[in-house]
Amino acid sequence: MKKIISLILNRIRMWDKLAADRVDVFIANSKTVQERIIKYYRRDSSVIYPPVETERFSVADINPLKQAKPYFLIGCRLVPYKRVDMVIEAFKSLGNEYRLKIFGDGVDLKRLRKIAGEAANIEFVGRVSDEEKAELYRNSLAFINPQEEDFGITPLEAMASGRPVIAYRQGGATETVKEGETGVFFDQQTPSAIVDIVHKFYTKTKTGEYHWDSVVIRRWAETFSVVNFKHQMKEFVARHYQKNKEAIN
């Protein structure tokens, strides 16, 4: 069986290489993917970030810290690699002053509920509408992004709502989160690392040592808007069309 699998994988690699060699130009959705294209295909590429529908989100009228029950937020498909389990473990350790809301559904939901147990500070809100999601974002203290992604849309949706992001310092988040201006990073995928960064974030935000300007955060997110994406794609296509046209002539 191992020999058969090895043979199949080798054929797939050969097909993938042949297909890649026929590509005229590559577009990567992040610098993370751009580096992967160089590593595996030995080809250059242009980075054009995916579009975020920033117009669907808005900034809250009041500071989320002034709410009766301020909360941190995480939301995604509930599957193991998203590392929601790690965030739940962290908030169980942090205690009731630190509230966590989780939106989304998926195959990992049952396991995650079991991990959360009877923790009073953790709330599963399930699947939400676009309007409900926008409200969750703009009223949160911060959005937590514990996983490594090639790009990552949800952190930018949170920033389009004027909210900072607490992110794992790997992958696309290192390109979309501006440390100290639109969010903060943690360096280890462990519950203790999340406990430390959430406690630090909450304490320094309350004392004013961390100052999060919702307008500035949203303005940064708007650089990833659908309008900008369309402009970059049109410019890219026009440039390469002209280059190929000149080469043919």
C-alpha atoms as a PDB file:
ATOM      1  CA  MET A   1       0.000   0.000   0.000  1.00  0.00           C
ATOM      2  CA  LYS A   2       2.834   2.423   0.869  1.00  0.00           C
ATOM      3  CA  LYS A   3       4.419   1.816  -2.549  1.00  0.00           C
ATOM      4  CA  ILE A   4       1.116   2.541  -4.287  1.00  0.00           C
ATOM      5  CA  ILE A   5       0.592   5.744  -2.301  1.00  0.00           C
ATOM      6  CA  SER A   6       4.177   6.813  -3.007  1.00  0.00           C
ATOM      7  CA  LEU A   7       3.686   6.199  -6.732  1.00  0.00           C
ATOM      8  CA  ILE A   8       0.427   8.182  -6.775  1.00  0.00           C
ATOM      9  CA  LEU A   9       1.991  11.094  -4.885  1.00  0.00           C
ATOM     10  CA  ASN A  10       4.960  11.116  -7.246  1.00  0.00           C
ATOM     11  CA  ARG A  11       2.620  11.298 -10.242  1.00  0.00           C
ATOM     12  CA  ILE A  12       0.693  14.141  -8.614  1.00  0.00           C
ATOM     13  CA  ARG A  13       3.940  16.056  -8.004  1.00  0.00           C
ATOM     14  CA  MET A  14       4.968  15.569 -11.630  1.00  0.00           C
ATOM     15  CA  TRP A  15       1.568  16.760 -12.867  1.00  0.00           C
ATOM     16  CA  ASP A  16       1.683  19.742 -10.502  1.00  0.00           C
ATOM     17  CA  LYS A  17       5.145  20.749 -11.744  1.00  0.00           C
ATOM     18  CA  LEU A  18       4.116  20.435 -15.393  1.00  0.00           C
ATOM     19  CA  ALA A  19       0.978  22.479 -14.747  1.00  0.00           C
ATOM     20  CA  ALA A  20       2.965  25.152 -12.905  1.00  0.00           C
ATOM     21  CA  ASP A  21       5.448  25.410 -15.774  1.00  0.00           C
ATOM     22  CA  ARG A  22       2.593  26.336 -18.118  1.00  0.00           C
ATOM     23  CA  VAL A  23       1.532  29.293 -15.965  1.00  0.00           C
ATOM     24  CA  ASP A  24       2.427  32.674 -17.477  1.00  0.00           C
ATOM     25  CA  VAL A  25       2.216  34.683 -14.251  1.00  0.00           C
ATOM     26  CA  PHE A  26       1.404  33.819 -10.653  1.00  0.00           C
ATOM     27  CA  ILE A  27      -0.725  35.889  -8.285  1.00  0.00           C
ATOM     28  CA  ALA A  28      -0.281  35.155  -4.573  1.00  0.00           C
ATOM     29  CA  ASN A  29      -2.906  36.131  -2.003  1.00  0.00           C
ATOM     30  CA  SER A  30      -0.198  37.020   0.548  1.00  0.00           C
ATOM     31  CA  LYS A  31       3.561  37.243   0.965  1.00  0.00           C
ATOM     32  CA  THR A  32       3.322  33.959   2.861  1.00  0.00           C
ATOM     33  CA  VAL A  33       2.009  32.255  -0.278  1.00  0.00           C
ATOM     34  CA  GLN A  34       4.474  34.179  -2.442  1.00  0.00           C
ATOM     35  CA  GLU A  35       7.338  32.613  -0.489  1.00  0.00           C
ATOM     36  CA  ARG A  36       5.773  29.175  -0.953  1.00  0.00           C
ATOM     37  CA  ILE A  37       5.571  29.682  -4.728  1.00  0.00           C
ATOM     38  CA  ILE A  38       9.274  30.559  -4.787  1.00  0.00           C
ATOM     39  CA  LYS A  39      10.126  27.536  -2.639  1.00  0.00           C
ATOM     40  CA  TYR A  40       8.192  24.914  -4.588  1.00  0.00           C
ATOM     41  CA  TYR A  41       7.957  26.304  -8.120  1.00  0.00           C
ATOM     42  CA  ARG A  42      11.033  28.569  -8.251  1.00  0.00           C
ATOM     43  CA  ARG A  43       8.822  31.274  -9.737  1.00  0.00           C
ATOM     44  CA  ASP A  44       8.202  34.914  -8.918  1.00  0.00           C
ATOM     45  CA  SER A  45       4.686  36.162  -8.256  1.00  0.00           C
ATOM     46  CA  SER A  46       2.761  39.343  -7.537  1.00  0.00           C
ATOM     47  CA  VAL A  47       0.850  39.748  -4.281  1.00  0.00           C
ATOM     48  CA  ILE A  48      -2.757  40.897  -4.551  1.00  0.00           C
ATOM     49  CA  TYR A  49      -4.636  40.534  -1.296  1.00  0.00           C
ATOM     50  CA  PRO A  50      -8.181  39.078  -1.377  1.00  0.00           C
ATOM     51  CA  PRO A  51     -11.074  41.551  -1.095  1.00  0.00           C
ATOM     52  CA  VAL A  52     -12.794  42.258   2.207  1.00  0.00           C
ATOM     53  CA  GLU A  53     -16.338  43.646   2.129  1.00  0.00           C
ATOM     54  CA  THR A  54     -15.473  46.479   4.493  1.00  0.00           C
ATOM     55  CA  GLU A  55     -18.667  48.365   3.635  1.00  0.00           C
ATOM     56  CA  ARG A  56     -20.670  45.741   5.554  1.00  0.00           C
ATOM     57  CA  PHE A  57     -19.052  46.780   8.841  1.00  0.00           C
ATOM     58  CA  SER A  58     -19.090  49.919  10.967  1.00  0.00           C
ATOM     59  CA  VAL A  59     -17.507  51.368  14.091  1.00  0.00           C
ATOM     60  CA  ALA A  60     -19.393  51.323  17.426  1.00  0.00           C
ATOM     61  CA  ASP A  61     -20.741  54.581  18.853  1.00  0.00           C
ATOM     62  CA  ILE A  62     -19.376  53.827  22.331  1.00  0.00           C
ATOM     63  CA  ASN A  63     -16.155  52.352  23.664  1.00  0.00           C
ATOM     64  CA  PRO A  64     -16.697  48.589  24.201  1.00  0.00           C
ATOM     65  CA  LEU A  65     -14.870  48.911  27.537  1.00  0.00           C
ATOM     66  CA  LYS A  66     -17.818  50.947  28.830  1.00  0.00           C
ATOM     67  CA  GLN A  67     -20.323  48.157  28.203  1.00  0.00           C
ATOM     68  CA  ALA A  68     -21.850  46.366  31.165  1.00  0.00           C
ATOM     69  CA  LYS A  69     -20.245  43.084  30.102  1.00  0.00           C
ATOM     70  CA  PRO A  70     -17.285  43.688  27.762  1.00  0.00           C
ATOM     71  CA  TYR A  71     -16.137  40.627  25.828  1.00  0.00           C
ATOM     72  CA  PHE A  72     -13.440  39.251  23.559  1.00  0.00           C
ATOM     73  CA  LEU A  73     -14.501  37.579  20.327  1.00  0.00           C
ATOM     74  CA  ILE A  74     -13.464  34.661  18.165  1.00  0.00           C
ATOM     75  CA  GLY A  75     -15.349  33.332  15.154  1.00  0.00           C
ATOM     76  CA  CYS A  76     -14.707  30.868  12.360  1.00  0.00           C
ATOM     77  CA  ARG A  77     -15.574  27.405  11.103  1.00  0.00           C
ATOM     78  CA  LEU A  78     -15.202  25.291  14.203  1.00  0.00           C
ATOM     79  CA  VAL A  79     -12.592  22.797  13.013  1.00  0.00           C
ATOM     80  CA  PRO A  80      -9.475  21.630  14.915  1.00  0.00           C
ATOM     81  CA  TYR A  81      -6.811  23.582  13.019  1.00  0.00           C
ATOM     82  CA  LYS A  82      -8.480  26.898  13.935  1.00  0.00           C
ATOM     83  CA  ARG A  83      -7.222  26.325  17.521  1.00  0.00           C
ATOM     84  CA  VAL A  84     -10.356  27.601  19.234  1.00  0.00           C
ATOM     85  CA  ASP A  85      -9.729  24.943  21.896  1.00  0.00           C
ATOM     86  CA  MET A  86      -6.575  26.760  22.945  1.00  0.00           C
ATOM     87  CA  VAL A  87      -8.471  30.034  23.397  1.00  0.00           C
ATOM     88  CA  ILE A  88     -11.170  28.317  25.461  1.00  0.00           C
ATOM     89  CA  GLU A  89      -8.539  26.788  27.753  1.00  0.00           C
ATOM     90  CA  ALA A  90      -6.996  30.224  28.200  1.00  0.00           C
ATOM     91  CA  PHE A  91     -10.278  31.904  29.129  1.00  0.00           C
ATOM     92  CA  LYS A  92     -11.120  29.146  31.592  1.00  0.00           C
ATOM     93  CA  SER A  93      -7.879  30.064  33.354  1.00  0.00           C
ATOM     94  CA  LEU A  94      -8.485  33.813  33.136  1.00  0.00           C
ATOM     95  CA  GLY A  95     -11.750  33.732  35.067  1.00  0.00           C
ATOM     96  CA  ASN A  96     -15.093  35.502  34.887  1.00  0.00           C
ATOM     97  CA  GLU A  97     -13.790  39.049  34.409  1.00  0.00           C
ATOM     98  CA  TYR A  98     -12.629  37.989  30.956  1.00  0.00           C
ATOM     99  CA  ARG A  99     -15.624  37.069  28.817  1.00  0.00           C
ATOM    100  CA  LEU A 100     -15.346  35.242  25.494  1.00  0.00           C
ATOM    101  CA  LYS A 101     -17.968  34.954  22.762  1.00  0.00           C
ATOM    102  CA  ILE A 102     -17.560  32.346  20.033  1.00  0.00           C
ATOM    103  CA  PHE A 103     -19.530  32.488  16.792  1.00  0.00           C
ATOM    104  CA  GLY A 104     -19.612  29.821  14.115  1.00  0.00           C
ATOM    105  CA  ASP A 105     -20.410  26.150  13.676  1.00  0.00           C
ATOM    106  CA  GLY A 106     -18.548  23.044  12.608  1.00  0.00           C
ATOM    107  CA  VAL A 107     -17.444  19.493  13.315  1.00  0.00           C
ATOM    108  CA  ASP A 108     -15.447  20.546  16.386  1.00  0.00           C
ATOM    109  CA  LEU A 109     -18.365  22.174  18.215  1.00  0.00           C
ATOM    110  CA  LYS A 110     -19.178  19.225  20.483  1.00  0.00           C
ATOM    111  CA  ARG A 111     -15.558  18.835  21.585  1.00  0.00           C
ATOM    112  CA  LEU A 112     -15.197  22.568  22.182  1.00  0.00           C
ATOM    113  CA  ARG A 113     -18.342  22.670  24.327  1.00  0.00           C
ATOM    114  CA  LYS A 114     -16.931  19.821  26.378  1.00  0.00           C
ATOM    115  CA  ILE A 115     -13.667  21.708  26.902  1.00  0.00           C
ATOM    116  CA  ALA A 116     -15.566  24.841  27.963  1.00  0.00           C
ATOM    117  CA  GLY A 117     -17.632  22.825  30.417  1.00  0.00           C
ATOM    118  CA  GLU A 118     -19.580  25.033  32.813  1.00  0.00           C
ATOM    119  CA  ALA A 119     -17.332  28.078  32.417  1.00  0.00           C
ATOM    120  CA  ALA A 120     -19.645  31.056  32.959  1.00  0.00           C
ATOM    121  CA  ASN A 121     -17.416  33.457  31.024  1.00  0.00           C
ATOM    122  CA  ILE A 122     -17.544  31.518  27.723  1.00  0.00           C
ATOM    123  CA  GLU A 123     -20.549  31.794  25.406  1.00  0.00           C
ATOM    124  CA  PHE A 124     -21.213  29.936  22.148  1.00  0.00           C
ATOM    125  CA  VAL A 125     -23.507  32.054  19.991  1.00  0.00           C
ATOM    126  CA  GLY A 126     -23.674  29.611  17.056  1.00  0.00           C
ATOM    127  CA  ARG A 127     -24.264  30.576  13.454  1.00  0.00           C
ATOM    128  CA  VAL A 128     -24.998  34.247  12.989  1.00  0.00           C
ATOM    129  CA  SER A 129     -26.378  36.439  10.227  1.00  0.00           C
ATOM    130  CA  ASP A 130     -24.190  39.061   8.551  1.00  0.00           C
ATOM    131  CA  GLU A 131     -25.882  41.748  10.639  1.00  0.00           C
ATOM    132  CA  GLU A 132     -25.379  39.825  13.885  1.00  0.00           C
ATOM    133  CA  LYS A 133     -21.744  39.182  13.035  1.00  0.00           C
ATOM    134  CA  ALA A 134     -21.132  42.875  12.326  1.00  0.00           C
ATOM    135  CA  GLU A 135     -22.650  43.762  15.705  1.00  0.00           C
ATOM    136  CA  LEU A 136     -20.502  41.190  17.496  1.00  0.00           C
ATOM    137  CA  TYR A 137     -17.383  42.612  15.885  1.00  0.00           C
ATOM    138  CA  ARG A 138     -17.989  46.297  16.607  1.00  0.00           C
ATOM    139  CA  ASN A 139     -18.974  45.755  20.241  1.00  0.00           C
ATOM    140  CA  SER A 140     -16.055  43.464  21.117  1.00  0.00           C
ATOM    141  CA  LEU A 141     -12.921  44.460  23.004  1.00  0.00           C
ATOM    142  CA  ALA A 142     -10.777  42.629  20.461  1.00  0.00           C
ATOM    143  CA  PHE A 143     -10.920  39.764  17.988  1.00  0.00           C
ATOM    144  CA  ILE A 144      -8.667  36.773  18.685  1.00  0.00           C
ATOM    145  CA  ASN A 145      -6.939  34.999  15.788  1.00  0.00           C
ATOM    146  CA  PRO A 146      -5.014  31.999  17.216  1.00  0.00           C
ATOM    147  CA  GLN A 147      -4.341  30.057  14.005  1.00  0.00           C
ATOM    148  CA  GLU A 148      -1.939  30.408  11.089  1.00  0.00           C
ATOM    149  CA  GLU A 149      -3.643  31.281   7.805  1.00  0.00           C
ATOM    150  CA  ASP A 150      -2.361  32.096   4.329  1.00  0.00           C
ATOM    151  CA  PHE A 151      -4.289  35.370   4.560  1.00  0.00           C
ATOM    152  CA  GLY A 152      -7.281  35.500   6.919  1.00  0.00           C
ATOM    153  CA  ILE A 153     -10.478  37.466   6.297  1.00  0.00           C
ATOM    154  CA  THR A 154     -12.014  37.575   9.792  1.00  0.00           C
ATOM    155  CA  PRO A 155      -9.273  39.695  11.414  1.00  0.00           C
ATOM    156  CA  LEU A 156      -9.817  42.311   8.710  1.00  0.00           C
ATOM    157  CA  GLU A 157     -13.584  42.188   9.210  1.00  0.00           C
ATOM    158  CA  ALA A 158     -12.935  42.951  12.883  1.00  0.00           C
ATOM    159  CA  MET A 159     -10.609  45.807  11.943  1.00  0.00           C
ATOM    160  CA  ALA A 160     -13.209  47.130   9.486  1.00  0.00           C
ATOM    161  CA  SER A 161     -15.410  47.350  12.594  1.00  0.00           C
ATOM    162  CA  GLY A 162     -12.739  49.435  14.304  1.00  0.00           C
ATOM    163  CA  ARG A 163     -11.629  46.690  16.666  1.00  0.00           C
ATOM    164  CA  PRO A 164      -8.042  45.582  17.329  1.00  0.00           C
ATOM    165  CA  VAL A 165      -6.878  42.013  16.769  1.00  0.00           C
ATOM    166  CA  ILE A 166      -4.908  39.684  19.035  1.00  0.00           C
ATOM    167  CA  ALA A 167      -3.118  37.392  16.585  1.00  0.00           C
ATOM    168  CA  TYR A 168      -0.635  34.547  16.419  1.00  0.00           C
ATOM    169  CA  ARG A 169       2.510  35.948  14.811  1.00  0.00           C
ATOM    170  CA  GLN A 170       2.587  33.717  11.736  1.00  0.00           C
ATOM    171  CA  GLY A 171       1.160  33.693   8.218  1.00  0.00           C
ATOM    172  CA  GLY A 172      -1.143  36.311   6.795  1.00  0.00           C
ATOM    173  CA  ALA A 173      -1.802  38.030  10.123  1.00  0.00           C
ATOM    174  CA  THR A 174       1.760  39.390  10.089  1.00  0.00           C
ATOM    175  CA  GLU A 175       0.800  41.280   6.915  1.00  0.00           C
ATOM    176  CA  THR A 176      -2.655  42.492   7.938  1.00  0.00           C
ATOM    177  CA  VAL A 177      -2.166  43.409  11.609  1.00  0.00           C
ATOM    178  CA  LYS A 178      -0.006  46.455  12.412  1.00  0.00           C
ATOM    179  CA  GLU A 179       1.440  45.832  15.848  1.00  0.00           C
ATOM    180  CA  GLY A 180       0.548  48.527  18.360  1.00  0.00           C
ATOM    181  CA  GLU A 181      -1.761  50.286  15.902  1.00  0.00           C
ATOM    182  CA  THR A 182      -4.372  47.734  14.836  1.00  0.00           C
ATOM    183  CA  GLY A 183      -3.543  44.895  17.204  1.00  0.00           C
ATOM    184  CA  VAL A 184      -0.977  42.854  19.126  1.00  0.00           C
ATOM    185  CA  PHE A 185       0.753  39.511  18.599  1.00  0.00           C
ATOM    186  CA  PHE A 186       1.608  36.443  20.651  1.00  0.00           C
ATOM    187  CA  ASP A 187       4.410  34.072  19.643  1.00  0.00           C
ATOM    188  CA  GLN A 188       3.469  30.639  20.975  1.00  0.00           C
ATOM    189  CA  GLN A 189       0.349  28.596  20.222  1.00  0.00           C
ATOM    190  CA  THR A 190      -0.303  27.716  23.847  1.00  0.00           C
ATOM    191  CA  PRO A 191      -3.089  28.577  26.303  1.00  0.00           C
ATOM    192  CA  SER A 192      -0.553  30.232  28.621  1.00  0.00           C
ATOM    193  CA  ALA A 193       0.654  32.549  25.832  1.00  0.00           C
ATOM    194  CA  ILE A 194      -2.945  33.596  25.188  1.00  0.00           C
ATOM    195  CA  VAL A 195      -3.579  34.113  28.907  1.00  0.00           C
ATOM    196  CA  ASP A 196      -0.563  36.425  29.044  1.00  0.00           C
ATOM    197  CA  ILE A 197      -1.426  38.489  25.959  1.00  0.00           C
ATOM    198  CA  VAL A 198      -5.149  38.811  26.797  1.00  0.00           C
ATOM    199  CA  HIS A 199      -4.352  39.891  30.363  1.00  0.00           C
ATOM    200  CA  LYS A 200      -1.762  42.375  29.075  1.00  0.00           C
ATOM    201  CA  PHE A 201      -4.147  43.700  26.416  1.00  0.00           C
ATOM    202  CA  TYR A 202      -7.048  44.121  28.841  1.00  0.00           C
ATOM    203  CA  THR A 203      -4.985  45.732  31.598  1.00  0.00           C
ATOM    204  CA  LYS A 204      -3.128  48.173  29.348  1.00  0.00           C
ATOM    205  CA  THR A 205      -6.271  49.077  27.426  1.00  0.00           C
ATOM    206  CA  LYS A 206      -8.116  49.893  30.665  1.00  0.00           C
ATOM    207  CA  THR A 207      -5.250  52.040  31.968  1.00  0.00           C
ATOM    208  CA  GLY A 208      -4.888  53.835  28.642  1.00  0.00           C
ATOM    209  CA  GLU A 209      -1.366  52.559  27.979  1.00  0.00           C
ATOM    210  CA  TYR A 210      -2.830  50.890  24.903  1.00  0.00           C
ATOM    211  CA  HIS A 211      -4.928  53.350  22.926  1.00  0.00           C
ATOM    212  CA  TRP A 212      -6.986  51.917  20.081  1.00  0.00           C
ATOM    213  CA  ASP A 213      -8.296  54.455  17.582  1.00  0.00           C
ATOM    214  CA  SER A 214     -11.287  52.842  15.865  1.00  0.00           C
ATOM    215  CA  VAL A 215     -11.148  55.261  12.936  1.00  0.00           C
ATOM    216  CA  VAL A 216      -7.464  54.536  12.289  1.00  0.00           C
ATOM    217  CA  ILE A 217      -8.051  50.788  12.546  1.00  0.00           C
ATOM    218  CA  ARG A 218     -10.944  50.905  10.096  1.00  0.00           C
ATOM    219  CA  ARG A 219      -9.008  53.111   7.686  1.00  0.00           C
ATOM    220  CA  TRP A 220      -6.255  50.476   7.576  1.00  0.00           C
ATOM    221  CA  ALA A 221      -8.790  47.709   6.896  1.00  0.00           C
ATOM    222  CA  GLU A 222     -10.204  49.704   3.993  1.00  0.00           C
ATOM    223  CA  THR A 223      -6.917  49.284   2.110  1.00  0.00           C
ATOM    224  CA  PHE A 224      -8.095  45.673   1.631  1.00  0.00           C
ATOM    225  CA  SER A 225     -11.506  46.710   0.269  1.00  0.00           C
ATOM    226  CA  VAL A 226     -13.264  45.292  -2.783  1.00  0.00           C
ATOM    227  CA  VAL A 227     -12.671  48.585  -4.609  1.00  0.00           C
ATOM    228  CA  ASN A 228      -8.911  48.388  -4.067  1.00  0.00           C
ATOM    229  CA  PHE A 229      -8.865  44.715  -5.044  1.00  0.00           C
ATOM    230  CA  LYS A 230     -10.627  45.434  -8.341  1.00  0.00           C
ATOM    231  CA  HIS A 231      -8.247  48.299  -9.077  1.00  0.00           C
ATOM    232  CA  GLN A 232      -5.176  46.147  -8.426  1.00  0.00           C
ATOM    233  CA  MET A 233      -6.508  43.256 -10.515  1.00  0.00           C
ATOM    234  CA  LYS A 234      -7.372  45.505 -13.462  1.00  0.00           C
ATOM    235  CA  GLU A 235      -3.959  47.162 -13.310  1.00  0.00           C
ATOM    236  CA  PHE A 236      -2.215  43.774 -13.108  1.00  0.00           C
ATOM    237  CA  VAL A 237      -4.117  42.309 -16.070  1.00  0.00           C
ATOM    238  CA  ALA A 238      -3.611  45.443 -18.191  1.00  0.00           C
ATOM    239  CA  ARG A 239       0.119  45.526 -17.465  1.00  0.00           C
ATOM    240  CA  HIS A 240       0.705  41.887 -18.371  1.00  0.00           C
ATOM    241  CA  TYR A 241      -1.597  42.054 -21.390  1.00  0.00           C
ATOM    242  CA  GLN A 242       0.448  44.951 -22.739  1.00  0.00           C
ATOM    243  CA  LYS A 243       3.710  43.150 -22.006  1.00  0.00           C
ATOM    244  CA  ASN A 244       2.573  40.009 -23.864  1.00  0.00           C
ATOM    245  CA  LYS A 245       1.222  42.089 -26.737  1.00  0.00           C
ATOM    246  CA  GLU A 246       4.577  43.812 -27.152  1.00  0.00           C
ATOM    247  CA  ALA A 247       6.408  40.471 -27.000  1.00  0.00           C
ATOM    248  CA  ILE A 248       4.220  39.044 -29.789  1.00  0.00           C
ATOM    249  CA  ASN A 249       4.715  42.101 -31.975  1.00  0.00           C
END
